[in-house]
Amino acid sequence: MNSWVSLLPPIIAIILAITTRQAYLSIFSGIVMGAVLLEGEVFAGITMSFDAVAVTFTSISMVKSLIFILMIGAIINILQQSGAINEAIILLTEQKKWIKSPRGAQLLTFIMGTLMCLEGVGSMMMVGLVGQPLFAKHQLSKEKLAYIANSTGSPLAWLLPISGAGVFLTSLLNAQIDQGVLPGQPMSYVFNAIHYQFYTILVLLSVPVLALMKHDFPSKSPMTMTKDSVQTKDLSNSKAITVFILMLPIVILLISIFFIIVITGDGNPLKGNISDAIYWGGFIALIGSGLVYRLVGIAFSHYMNWVIAGFKQILPAVIILVLAFTLSNIIGQLGTGTYLASLLAANLPSEFVPAIIFVLGMTISFSTGSSGATVSILTPIAIPMAISLGLDVALVIGAVISGAVFGDQSSPISDSVIVASSAANCQPEQHFRTQLPFTLGFAALSFIGYIIVGSMS
C-alpha cells in the first residue's frame, strides 16, 4: 500500500497516546486501523486485528524474548524481595559511604543498568529497581529516573555487538552478504559502525554527564519513599546470607550467558549464539539461584512466590511489547516505512545521504515506535544505496541505528517509553515531554555530524 493512508495507523496511535494517556488503547487502535486498511472493510478489519495479536506468537524468537522478559521480571523481584538491592545500597551509602550525593545516586543507578545491557527491558527495570530508593532519598525526580532508564537500555543494547540487538543487526547484514550485496563478514561492519552511531553515543553519555552536572528534570512531584521504593529486607539480616549470595541471580545470569556464547561459538564468543545464550541464561539463573537460596535457608516455596510475583509485576510490559510487535507487523504489511523512505530518499546528493538516512530512521521509528522494525526496513534500502554511491557502509549503518534509537526512545507509542516510565513510577506523557528537548537536541547535533562526515566521505 504505497500511499499516504499507510501513515494513518501510527498517526492515530501517537495522537491517542498523547491525548488519552492510555497506552493499551492507543496501540490497539493503531492495530485496528491498520487491519481495516489491509482488509478493506471495518468488520473484517476488527476480526483481523485480534487475529494479528495471535499471529505475533507464531514467531519463536518473539516468544523467547517475551519469556526472557518474564524471567527478568522474576529476577528483579527476587533481588527486591530478598533485600539484595537494599543491602547493596546500604553497603555503598552507609557502610562504605561511597554514595553520598544525588550525583552518586544517579551514577550508581546508571552503572547497575549497564549490568543488564544484553536486554533493553531488563536494563530499564534494573534502573527502576535501584533508582527508586536512591532517588527518593535524595529527592530526585521520577522523570529523571525514567530518562536514565530509557537512555541506558536501548542505546547500550544497540552499541554492543554481543547484545540481542547486536545479534539482530548481524543477521540482517548476513542476509545482505548472502545476497551478494556486501562482501566480507557481518561482524566487521557491526564493529566499524559503532563509532558512527552519533545519536546513540550522545544520549548514552548524557546520563553520566547530566549526573555530574547535578542536573534534575522539572517534576510535578519528586520521588518519595513509598511502598514501591522501600525494598523488603526480612531475610538479609542473617550474617550467613551475604550481599553476594543475594545478588546471585544476576551473577549467574551474566556468567551463564558468557559461557553459552563461548560454547556455541566453539571458543569464539563473537561467533556464539547470543539469542539462545540470553534465553537459556534466564532459566539457569532462576534454577541456580533457587538452589543456592535453598541451601542458605530460604524455603523453595518462598522463592517460587517471588518468581511468580515477578512474572505478574512485569506482565504489563509484556502486554505492551506484544501490542507493539503486532502494530509493527501491521505497519510492515502496509509498507509504511518503505513509503516514508521513498518520499525522502529520491535524487539525494551523496554527501547528504547519511544525514537523510538518519532522518528517515527518526521518522520511521517515531511513527512505528520500534527500533527493530526501523532497522529491518532501512537496512536493505540503505546499504545498496551506500554501495552505489561509494559511501562508507559502516557510516550508513550507524546512521540507520541512530535514527532508529531516536524514535524508540522518543515516540509516545514506543515500548521503551512506556517501560521506562513504569520502571520509574512516572507518567508516560510526563516522561515523553521532559526528555524531548534533550533527544531533539542530540538529534540535531547528530544530523550536523552526519552532514560533516558525509561531505568528507
Protein backbone atom coordinates (compact mmCIF):
# COMPACT_ATOMS: atom_id res chain seq x y z
CA MET A 1 0.00 0.00 0.00
CA ASN A 2 2.31 2.68 -1.32
CA SER A 3 0.29 5.74 -0.31
CA TRP A 4 -0.26 8.25 2.46
CA VAL A 5 -3.04 6.17 4.08
CA SER A 6 -0.36 3.76 5.35
CA LEU A 7 0.61 6.56 7.74
CA LEU A 8 -2.81 6.55 9.47
CA PRO A 9 -2.23 3.69 11.99
CA PRO A 10 0.92 5.18 13.58
CA ILE A 11 -0.54 8.70 13.44
CA ILE A 12 -3.71 7.59 15.25
CA ALA A 13 -1.72 5.61 17.82
CA ILE A 14 0.59 8.57 18.53
CA ILE A 15 -2.25 11.10 18.83
CA LEU A 16 -4.23 8.85 21.18
CA ALA A 17 -1.14 8.09 23.25
CA ILE A 18 -0.56 11.80 23.83
CA THR A 19 -4.20 12.80 24.37
CA THR A 20 -5.71 9.84 26.24
CA ARG A 21 -2.62 8.67 28.17
CA GLN A 22 -3.86 5.10 27.65
CA ALA A 23 -1.05 3.03 26.14
CA TYR A 24 -3.03 -0.16 25.52
CA LEU A 25 -5.93 1.69 23.89
CA SER A 26 -3.63 3.80 21.73
CA ILE A 27 -1.55 0.97 20.33
CA PHE A 28 -4.52 -1.34 19.79
CA SER A 29 -6.39 1.45 18.00
CA GLY A 30 -3.46 1.68 15.60
CA ILE A 31 -3.64 -2.08 15.09
CA VAL A 32 -7.37 -1.93 14.31
CA MET A 33 -6.92 0.95 11.85
CA GLY A 34 -4.11 -0.90 10.07
CA ALA A 35 -6.14 -4.10 9.90
CA VAL A 36 -9.14 -2.24 8.47
CA LEU A 37 -6.93 -0.73 5.77
CA LEU A 38 -5.47 -4.14 4.92
CA GLU A 39 -8.87 -5.86 4.80
CA GLY A 40 -10.75 -3.03 3.12
CA GLU A 41 -13.77 -3.17 5.43
CA VAL A 42 -14.46 -2.44 9.08
CA PHE A 43 -15.82 -5.76 10.38
CA ALA A 44 -13.16 -7.88 8.68
CA GLY A 45 -10.51 -5.46 9.91
CA ILE A 46 -11.65 -5.70 13.52
CA THR A 47 -11.60 -9.50 13.27
CA MET A 48 -8.13 -9.42 11.73
CA SER A 49 -6.82 -7.13 14.48
CA PHE A 50 -7.49 -9.81 17.11
CA ASP A 51 -6.01 -12.50 14.87
CA ALA A 52 -2.95 -10.32 14.31
CA VAL A 53 -2.20 -10.40 18.05
CA ALA A 54 -2.37 -14.20 18.00
CA VAL A 55 -0.16 -14.39 14.89
CA THR A 56 2.51 -12.46 16.81
CA PHE A 57 3.02 -15.54 18.99
CA THR A 58 3.91 -17.67 15.95
CA SER A 59 7.38 -16.12 15.94
CA ILE A 60 9.67 -18.34 18.03
CA SER A 61 12.21 -15.57 18.55
CA MET A 62 9.50 -13.19 19.74
CA VAL A 63 8.08 -15.76 22.18
CA LYS A 64 11.58 -16.44 23.52
CA SER A 65 12.04 -12.69 24.03
CA LEU A 66 8.79 -12.46 25.98
CA ILE A 67 9.70 -15.47 28.15
CA PHE A 68 13.10 -13.95 28.87
CA ILE A 69 11.46 -10.66 29.85
CA LEU A 70 9.21 -12.57 32.26
CA MET A 71 12.32 -14.20 33.73
CA ILE A 72 13.95 -10.77 34.05
CA GLY A 73 10.87 -9.65 35.99
CA ALA A 74 11.27 -12.66 38.27
CA ILE A 75 15.00 -11.99 38.82
CA ILE A 76 14.37 -8.35 39.59
CA ASN A 77 11.62 -9.22 42.09
CA ILE A 78 13.90 -11.81 43.74
CA LEU A 79 16.58 -9.13 44.16
CA GLN A 80 13.94 -6.82 45.58
CA GLN A 81 12.19 -9.21 47.96
CA SER A 82 15.38 -10.88 49.24
CA GLY A 83 16.77 -7.47 50.15
CA ALA A 84 19.75 -7.83 47.79
CA ILE A 85 19.44 -4.39 46.26
CA ASN A 86 18.65 -2.76 49.58
CA GLU A 87 21.67 -4.43 51.21
CA ALA A 88 23.90 -3.36 48.33
CA ILE A 89 22.66 0.22 48.62
CA ILE A 90 23.20 0.21 52.39
CA LEU A 91 26.71 -1.17 51.84
CA LEU A 92 27.59 1.60 49.37
CA THR A 93 25.78 4.50 51.04
CA GLU A 94 26.06 3.85 54.79
CA GLN A 95 28.90 1.39 55.38
CA LYS A 96 31.39 2.27 52.64
CA LYS A 97 29.90 5.76 52.25
CA TRP A 98 30.71 5.77 48.53
CA ILE A 99 27.27 7.12 47.54
CA LYS A 100 26.62 10.32 49.50
CA SER A 101 25.06 12.71 46.98
CA PRO A 102 22.44 12.96 44.21
CA ARG A 103 25.32 12.76 41.74
CA GLY A 104 26.48 9.42 43.16
CA ALA A 105 22.91 8.11 43.28
CA GLN A 106 22.44 8.77 39.57
CA LEU A 107 25.80 7.26 38.62
CA LEU A 108 25.18 4.09 40.63
CA THR A 109 21.75 3.73 39.05
CA PHE A 110 23.29 4.10 35.59
CA ILE A 111 26.04 1.56 36.34
CA MET A 112 23.53 -1.02 37.62
CA GLY A 113 21.50 -0.54 34.42
CA THR A 114 24.55 -1.42 32.33
CA LEU A 115 24.75 -4.83 34.06
CA MET A 116 21.57 -5.83 32.20
CA CYS A 117 22.81 -4.38 28.90
CA LEU A 118 22.08 -7.55 26.89
CA GLU A 119 18.36 -6.84 27.08
CA GLY A 120 16.89 -3.33 26.94
CA VAL A 121 13.77 -4.03 29.01
CA GLY A 122 15.82 -5.77 31.70
CA SER A 123 18.19 -2.81 31.86
CA MET A 124 15.31 -0.35 32.28
CA MET A 125 13.68 -2.42 35.01
CA MET A 126 17.01 -2.71 36.86
CA VAL A 127 17.43 1.08 36.71
CA GLY A 128 13.99 1.47 38.24
CA LEU A 129 14.64 -1.08 40.99
CA VAL A 130 17.93 0.50 42.05
CA GLY A 131 16.97 4.09 41.36
CA GLN A 132 13.64 4.37 43.19
CA PRO A 133 15.02 4.17 46.75
CA LEU A 134 18.12 6.23 45.89
CA PHE A 135 16.14 8.92 44.09
CA ALA A 136 13.63 9.03 46.94
CA LYS A 137 16.42 9.51 49.46
CA HIS A 138 17.97 12.39 47.51
CA GLN A 139 14.64 13.93 46.37
CA LEU A 140 15.34 13.45 42.67
CA SER A 141 12.52 13.42 40.14
CA LYS A 142 10.78 10.39 38.68
CA GLU A 143 11.21 11.98 35.25
CA LYS A 144 15.00 11.95 35.61
CA LEU A 145 14.91 8.29 36.63
CA ALA A 146 12.77 7.46 33.59
CA TYR A 147 15.27 9.32 31.39
CA ILE A 148 18.18 7.31 32.81
CA ALA A 149 16.28 4.05 32.24
CA ASN A 150 15.34 4.96 28.66
CA SER A 151 18.79 6.35 27.79
CA THR A 152 20.57 3.27 29.07
CA GLY A 153 18.54 0.27 27.87
CA SER A 154 18.06 0.52 24.12
CA PRO A 155 21.09 2.72 23.28
CA LEU A 156 23.52 0.43 25.09
CA ALA A 157 21.96 -2.69 23.56
CA TRP A 158 22.43 -1.32 20.02
CA LEU A 159 26.02 -0.29 20.73
CA LEU A 160 27.04 -3.76 21.94
CA PRO A 161 27.59 -6.39 19.22
CA ILE A 162 27.01 -9.20 21.76
CA SER A 163 23.55 -7.99 22.81
CA GLY A 164 20.24 -9.21 21.44
CA ALA A 165 20.02 -6.09 19.25
CA GLY A 166 23.57 -6.71 18.03
CA VAL A 167 22.67 -10.25 17.01
CA PHE A 168 19.59 -8.94 15.20
CA LEU A 169 21.70 -6.43 13.24
CA THR A 170 24.28 -9.10 12.40
CA SER A 171 21.56 -11.34 10.95
CA LEU A 172 20.29 -8.51 8.72
CA LEU A 173 23.80 -7.82 7.44
CA ASN A 174 24.40 -11.52 6.88
CA ALA A 175 21.35 -11.57 4.60
CA GLN A 176 22.91 -8.78 2.55
CA ILE A 177 26.14 -10.81 2.30
CA ASP A 178 24.24 -13.95 1.25
CA GLN A 179 22.55 -11.92 -1.50
CA GLY A 180 25.92 -10.75 -2.79
CA VAL A 181 25.30 -7.10 -1.90
CA LEU A 182 28.02 -6.93 0.77
CA PRO A 183 31.45 -8.61 0.87
CA GLY A 184 33.23 -9.84 3.99
CA GLN A 185 31.97 -10.75 7.45
CA PRO A 186 28.91 -9.11 9.08
CA MET A 187 30.56 -8.66 12.47
CA SER A 188 33.25 -6.40 10.97
CA TYR A 189 30.55 -3.98 9.77
CA VAL A 190 28.85 -4.09 13.19
CA PHE A 191 32.09 -3.13 14.96
CA ASN A 192 33.01 -0.45 12.41
CA ALA A 193 29.56 1.13 12.71
CA ILE A 194 29.81 1.64 16.48
CA HIS A 195 31.62 4.99 16.36
CA TYR A 196 29.19 6.22 13.68
CA GLN A 197 26.17 5.82 15.99
CA PHE A 198 26.28 9.52 16.84
CA TYR A 199 22.85 9.86 18.46
CA THR A 200 23.14 6.56 20.35
CA ILE A 201 26.51 7.56 21.82
CA LEU A 202 25.39 11.09 22.69
CA VAL A 203 22.25 10.01 24.54
CA LEU A 204 24.11 7.28 26.45
CA LEU A 205 26.91 9.65 27.50
CA SER A 206 24.34 12.27 28.53
CA VAL A 207 23.37 10.18 31.58
CA PRO A 208 26.70 10.39 33.45
CA VAL A 209 27.31 13.93 32.16
CA LEU A 210 23.97 15.22 33.46
CA ALA A 211 24.60 13.39 36.74
CA LEU A 212 27.98 15.08 37.17
CA MET A 213 26.36 18.44 36.37
CA LYS A 214 23.83 17.79 39.18
CA HIS A 215 21.01 18.24 36.68
CA ASP A 216 17.46 17.18 37.50
CA PHE A 217 14.25 17.31 35.48
CA PRO A 218 11.31 19.54 36.43
CA SER A 219 8.71 17.41 38.16
CA LYS A 220 5.20 17.76 39.49
CA SER A 221 6.28 15.54 42.38
CA PRO A 222 9.76 14.29 43.32
CA MET A 223 10.38 10.64 44.08
CA THR A 224 9.15 9.82 47.57
CA MET A 225 9.68 6.84 49.83
CA THR A 226 6.65 4.68 49.09
CA LYS A 227 5.88 1.01 49.36
CA ASP A 228 7.30 0.59 45.84
CA SER A 229 10.61 2.25 46.67
CA VAL A 230 11.23 0.58 50.02
CA GLN A 231 12.65 -2.88 49.46
CA THR A 232 11.65 -5.92 51.52
CA LYS A 233 14.54 -6.95 53.77
CA ASP A 234 13.36 -9.65 56.10
CA LEU A 235 15.86 -12.37 55.15
CA SER A 236 19.07 -10.46 54.51
CA ASN A 237 19.66 -9.66 58.18
CA SER A 238 21.26 -13.07 58.66
CA LYS A 239 25.04 -12.79 58.66
CA ALA A 240 25.22 -16.08 56.78
CA ILE A 241 23.33 -14.58 53.83
CA THR A 242 25.77 -12.11 52.32
CA VAL A 243 25.12 -9.48 49.70
CA PHE A 244 26.97 -11.63 47.17
CA ILE A 245 24.67 -14.62 47.77
CA LEU A 246 21.61 -12.40 47.50
CA MET A 247 22.92 -10.97 44.20
CA LEU A 248 23.50 -14.46 42.74
CA PRO A 249 20.56 -14.33 40.27
CA ILE A 250 22.18 -11.60 38.20
CA VAL A 251 25.70 -13.01 38.72
CA ILE A 252 24.63 -16.46 37.47
CA LEU A 253 22.73 -14.85 34.57
CA LEU A 254 25.76 -12.94 33.28
CA ILE A 255 28.21 -15.82 33.77
CA SER A 256 25.94 -18.40 32.12
CA ILE A 257 25.29 -16.13 29.14
CA PHE A 258 29.04 -15.69 28.63
CA PHE A 259 29.79 -19.43 28.80
CA ILE A 260 26.94 -20.36 26.46
CA ILE A 261 28.18 -17.78 23.95
CA VAL A 262 31.69 -19.25 24.12
CA ILE A 263 30.42 -22.85 23.83
CA THR A 264 28.09 -22.17 20.90
CA GLY A 265 30.84 -20.21 19.20
CA ASP A 266 33.35 -23.09 19.54
CA GLY A 267 35.53 -20.95 21.78
CA ASN A 268 34.95 -17.69 19.93
CA PRO A 269 32.37 -15.51 21.76
CA LEU A 270 31.95 -13.34 18.65
CA LYS A 271 30.54 -16.34 16.78
CA GLY A 272 28.31 -17.61 19.59
CA ASN A 273 24.51 -17.76 19.57
CA ILE A 274 23.65 -14.69 21.65
CA SER A 275 19.90 -15.17 21.35
CA ASP A 276 19.94 -18.70 22.76
CA ALA A 277 22.52 -17.69 25.37
CA ILE A 278 20.25 -14.96 26.72
CA TYR A 279 17.21 -17.26 26.68
CA TRP A 280 18.84 -20.24 28.41
CA GLY A 281 20.78 -17.96 30.74
CA GLY A 282 17.49 -16.82 32.25
CA PHE A 283 16.48 -20.40 33.12
CA ILE A 284 19.91 -21.20 34.53
CA ALA A 285 19.86 -18.04 36.66
CA LEU A 286 16.45 -18.82 38.15
CA ILE A 287 17.16 -22.50 38.81
CA GLY A 288 20.71 -21.94 40.05
CA SER A 289 19.89 -19.11 42.42
CA GLY A 290 16.87 -21.03 43.70
CA LEU A 291 19.10 -23.96 44.66
CA VAL A 292 21.66 -21.70 46.37
CA TYR A 293 18.95 -19.77 48.22
CA ARG A 294 17.56 -23.09 49.46
CA LEU A 295 20.98 -24.10 50.79
CA VAL A 296 21.21 -20.90 52.86
CA GLY A 297 17.78 -21.43 54.41
CA ILE A 298 15.28 -19.75 52.11
CA ALA A 299 12.31 -22.06 51.54
CA PHE A 300 11.72 -23.11 47.93
CA SER A 301 8.03 -22.24 48.24
CA HIS A 302 9.03 -18.74 49.37
CA TYR A 303 11.39 -18.43 46.42
CA MET A 304 8.72 -19.57 43.94
CA ASN A 305 6.29 -17.00 45.33
CA TRP A 306 8.89 -14.33 44.49
CA VAL A 307 9.26 -15.74 40.97
CA ILE A 308 5.51 -15.78 40.29
CA ALA A 309 5.09 -12.29 41.75
CA GLY A 310 7.90 -11.10 39.46
CA PHE A 311 6.08 -12.52 36.45
CA LYS A 312 2.95 -10.64 37.48
CA GLN A 313 4.77 -7.34 38.04
CA ILE A 314 6.36 -7.29 34.59
CA LEU A 315 3.25 -8.58 32.79
CA PRO A 316 2.09 -5.05 31.79
CA ALA A 317 5.42 -4.55 30.00
CA VAL A 318 4.97 -7.90 28.23
CA ILE A 319 1.47 -6.89 27.09
CA ILE A 320 2.85 -3.60 25.77
CA LEU A 321 5.56 -5.47 23.88
CA VAL A 322 3.04 -7.88 22.34
CA LEU A 323 0.88 -4.97 21.15
CA ALA A 324 3.95 -3.07 19.93
CA PHE A 325 5.18 -6.12 17.97
CA THR A 326 1.70 -6.56 16.48
CA LEU A 327 1.46 -2.91 15.45
CA SER A 328 4.93 -3.14 13.94
CA ASN A 329 3.87 -6.19 11.89
CA ILE A 330 0.72 -4.45 10.67
CA ILE A 331 2.66 -1.34 9.71
CA GLY A 332 5.18 -3.55 7.92
CA GLN A 333 2.41 -5.15 5.84
CA LEU A 334 1.10 -1.70 4.96
CA GLY A 335 4.57 -0.65 3.79
CA THR A 336 4.59 2.49 5.93
CA GLY A 337 8.35 2.50 6.35
CA THR A 338 9.05 1.88 2.67
CA TYR A 339 6.63 4.64 1.69
CA LEU A 340 8.36 7.12 4.01
CA ALA A 341 11.75 6.06 2.66
CA SER A 342 10.65 6.57 -0.93
CA LEU A 343 9.37 10.07 -0.11
CA LEU A 344 12.70 11.28 1.21
CA ALA A 345 15.32 9.13 -0.49
CA ALA A 346 14.85 10.08 -4.17
CA ASN A 347 17.52 12.10 -6.00
CA LEU A 348 19.74 12.76 -2.97
CA PRO A 349 23.22 14.35 -3.24
CA SER A 350 25.62 11.68 -1.98
CA GLU A 351 27.14 13.85 0.76
CA PHE A 352 23.70 14.28 2.34
CA VAL A 353 22.75 10.59 2.20
CA PRO A 354 23.93 9.65 5.75
CA ALA A 355 22.07 12.64 7.23
CA ILE A 356 18.91 11.89 5.23
CA ILE A 357 19.05 8.22 6.20
CA PHE A 358 19.31 9.34 9.84
CA VAL A 359 16.19 11.50 9.39
CA LEU A 360 14.43 8.59 7.68
CA GLY A 361 15.24 6.39 10.64
CA MET A 362 13.97 9.03 13.06
CA THR A 363 10.72 9.42 11.12
CA ILE A 364 10.02 5.71 10.72
CA SER A 365 10.94 4.80 14.30
CA PHE A 366 8.92 7.67 15.76
CA SER A 367 5.95 6.57 13.63
CA THR A 368 6.26 2.88 14.48
CA GLY A 369 7.74 3.10 17.98
CA SER A 370 10.14 0.31 17.10
CA SER A 371 13.88 0.44 16.55
CA GLY A 372 13.97 -3.18 15.34
CA ALA A 373 11.30 -2.56 12.70
CA THR A 374 13.10 0.58 11.53
CA VAL A 375 16.45 -1.19 11.18
CA SER A 376 14.70 -4.03 9.33
CA ILE A 377 13.10 -1.61 6.88
CA LEU A 378 16.07 0.65 6.23
CA THR A 379 18.98 -1.80 6.16
CA PRO A 380 18.14 -3.41 2.78
CA ILE A 381 17.45 0.06 1.37
CA ALA A 382 20.39 2.00 2.81
CA ILE A 383 23.20 -0.50 2.18
CA PRO A 384 22.74 -0.87 -1.60
CA MET A 385 22.32 2.92 -1.79
CA ALA A 386 25.61 3.42 0.06
CA ILE A 387 27.45 0.96 -2.17
CA SER A 388 26.13 2.51 -5.38
CA LEU A 389 27.17 6.00 -4.20
CA GLY A 390 30.57 4.86 -2.94
CA LEU A 391 29.84 5.72 0.69
CA ASP A 392 31.25 4.01 3.77
CA VAL A 393 28.76 1.21 4.58
CA ALA A 394 29.60 1.39 8.30
CA LEU A 395 28.69 5.11 8.29
CA VAL A 396 25.30 4.38 6.76
CA ILE A 397 24.64 1.54 9.21
CA GLY A 398 25.47 3.88 12.09
CA ALA A 399 23.03 6.45 10.72
CA VAL A 400 20.28 3.81 10.43
CA ILE A 401 20.73 2.65 14.02
CA SER A 402 20.96 6.18 15.43
CA GLY A 403 17.72 7.20 13.73
CA ALA A 404 16.04 4.00 14.94
CA VAL A 405 17.15 4.57 18.55
CA PHE A 406 15.79 8.14 18.50
CA GLY A 407 12.23 7.03 17.74
CA ASP A 408 12.42 4.04 20.05
CA GLN A 409 13.43 6.38 22.86
CA SER A 410 11.14 9.30 21.98
CA SER A 411 7.88 8.06 20.45
CA PRO A 412 4.83 8.04 22.76
CA ILE A 413 3.86 4.62 21.35
CA SER A 414 7.30 3.10 21.91
CA ASP A 415 7.53 0.22 24.36
CA SER A 416 10.76 1.78 25.70
CA VAL A 417 8.98 4.99 26.71
CA ILE A 418 6.23 3.07 28.47
CA VAL A 419 8.52 0.52 30.17
CA ALA A 420 10.96 3.23 31.32
CA SER A 421 8.07 5.23 32.75
CA SER A 422 6.75 2.16 34.54
CA ALA A 423 10.20 1.40 35.97
CA ALA A 424 10.41 4.93 37.37
CA ASN A 425 6.77 5.04 38.54
CA CYS A 426 6.32 8.05 36.25
CA GLN A 427 3.51 9.02 33.89
CA PRO A 428 4.50 8.17 30.26
CA GLU A 429 3.37 11.53 28.87
CA GLN A 430 5.41 13.37 31.52
CA HIS A 431 8.49 11.32 30.64
CA PHE A 432 7.88 11.98 26.94
CA ARG A 433 7.61 15.75 27.43
CA THR A 434 10.57 16.19 29.78
CA GLN A 435 13.04 14.18 27.74
CA LEU A 436 12.03 15.50 24.29
CA PRO A 437 14.17 18.69 24.43
CA PHE A 438 17.23 16.54 25.09
CA THR A 439 16.50 13.90 22.45
CA LEU A 440 15.73 16.57 19.83
CA GLY A 441 18.92 18.44 20.74
CA PHE A 442 21.04 15.30 20.39
CA ALA A 443 19.28 14.52 17.12
CA ALA A 444 20.15 17.98 15.76
CA LEU A 445 23.81 17.54 16.73
CA SER A 446 23.85 14.10 15.14
CA PHE A 447 22.29 15.44 11.93
CA ILE A 448 25.05 18.04 11.67
CA GLY A 449 27.63 15.34 12.38
CA TYR A 450 26.33 13.15 9.56
CA ILE A 451 26.43 16.08 7.13
CA ILE A 452 30.05 16.81 8.07
CA VAL A 453 31.20 13.20 7.88
CA GLY A 454 29.16 12.61 4.72
CA SER A 455 30.83 15.54 2.97
CA MET A 456 34.23 14.08 3.92
CA SER A 457 33.46 10.61 2.56
